[in-house]
C-alpha cells in the first residue's frame, strides 16, 4: 500500500530534504523531480531556494500514486 505516510513516501521526503527533487525521482516522477531541482538551483541564487526545498519535501510526503 503506497500512499501518504507510507515508508516509501517517508524515504522520498527525506531524500528531497537533502537534494530537492530526489524524492520525486525515487517515486518515478522524473519530470517533476527535474523541475524542482532546476528551480531550486535558480532560486538559491536569490536566497529563496529553501522554499523550493520545503515544497519538494512536502510534495514527496503527500504524493499518492493514481491507479
Protein backbone atom coordinates (compact mmCIF):
# COMPACT_ATOMS: atom_id res chain seq x y z
CA UNK A 1 0.00 0.00 0.00
CA UNK A 2 1.75 3.14 -1.21
CA UNK A 3 0.39 6.48 -0.21
CA UNK A 4 0.68 9.30 2.25
CA UNK A 5 2.53 8.15 5.35
CA UNK A 6 3.91 5.02 3.71
CA UNK A 7 7.55 4.09 4.14
CA UNK A 8 8.27 4.96 0.51
CA UNK A 9 6.94 8.49 0.94
CA UNK A 10 8.93 9.00 4.12
CA UNK A 11 12.10 7.89 2.33
CA UNK A 12 11.27 10.16 -0.62
CA UNK A 13 10.66 13.12 1.70
CA UNK A 14 13.99 12.53 3.44
CA UNK A 15 15.76 12.31 0.08
CA UNK A 16 14.17 15.59 -1.01
CA UNK A 17 15.32 17.17 2.23
CA UNK A 18 18.92 16.70 1.12
CA UNK A 19 18.51 17.27 -2.63
CA UNK A 20 15.32 18.89 -3.94
CA UNK A 21 13.62 16.64 -6.47
CA UNK A 22 15.46 13.45 -5.45
CA UNK A 23 12.41 12.10 -3.66
CA UNK A 24 10.30 12.62 -6.76
CA UNK A 25 12.90 10.71 -8.77
CA UNK A 26 12.66 7.85 -6.28
CA UNK A 27 8.91 7.85 -6.80
CA UNK A 28 9.38 7.65 -10.58
CA UNK A 29 8.28 11.24 -11.28
CA UNK A 30 11.27 12.29 -13.35
CA UNK A 31 9.87 15.49 -14.89
CA UNK A 32 8.64 16.87 -11.54
CA UNK A 33 11.92 15.98 -9.86
CA UNK A 34 14.00 17.60 -12.58
CA UNK A 35 11.84 20.74 -12.49
CA UNK A 36 12.13 21.05 -8.72
CA UNK A 37 15.89 20.53 -8.81
CA UNK A 38 16.47 23.11 -11.54
CA UNK A 39 14.03 25.60 -10.00
CA UNK A 40 15.71 25.23 -6.59
CA UNK A 41 19.15 25.87 -8.10
CA UNK A 42 17.85 29.05 -9.75
CA UNK A 43 16.10 30.22 -6.60
CA UNK A 44 19.16 29.63 -4.39
CA UNK A 45 20.78 32.41 -6.37
CA UNK A 46 18.17 34.74 -4.86
CA UNK A 47 18.39 33.06 -1.42
CA UNK A 48 14.88 31.64 -1.79
CA UNK A 49 15.86 28.06 -2.60
CA UNK A 50 14.74 26.92 0.84
CA UNK A 51 11.14 27.49 -0.30
CA UNK A 52 11.59 25.02 -3.14
CA UNK A 53 13.33 22.62 -0.77
CA UNK A 54 10.30 22.67 1.54
CA UNK A 55 7.90 22.32 -1.39
CA UNK A 56 9.86 19.31 -2.62
CA UNK A 57 9.76 17.59 0.78
CA UNK A 58 6.03 18.18 1.31
CA UNK A 59 5.22 17.11 -2.26
CA UNK A 60 7.15 13.85 -1.84
CA UNK A 61 5.49 13.12 1.51
CA UNK A 62 1.92 13.79 0.34
CA UNK A 63 2.07 12.15 -3.11
CA UNK A 64 -0.30 9.26 -3.77
CA UNK A 65 0.03 7.21 -6.93
CA UNK A 66 -3.00 7.20 -9.19
CA UNK A 67 -4.35 3.80 -10.13
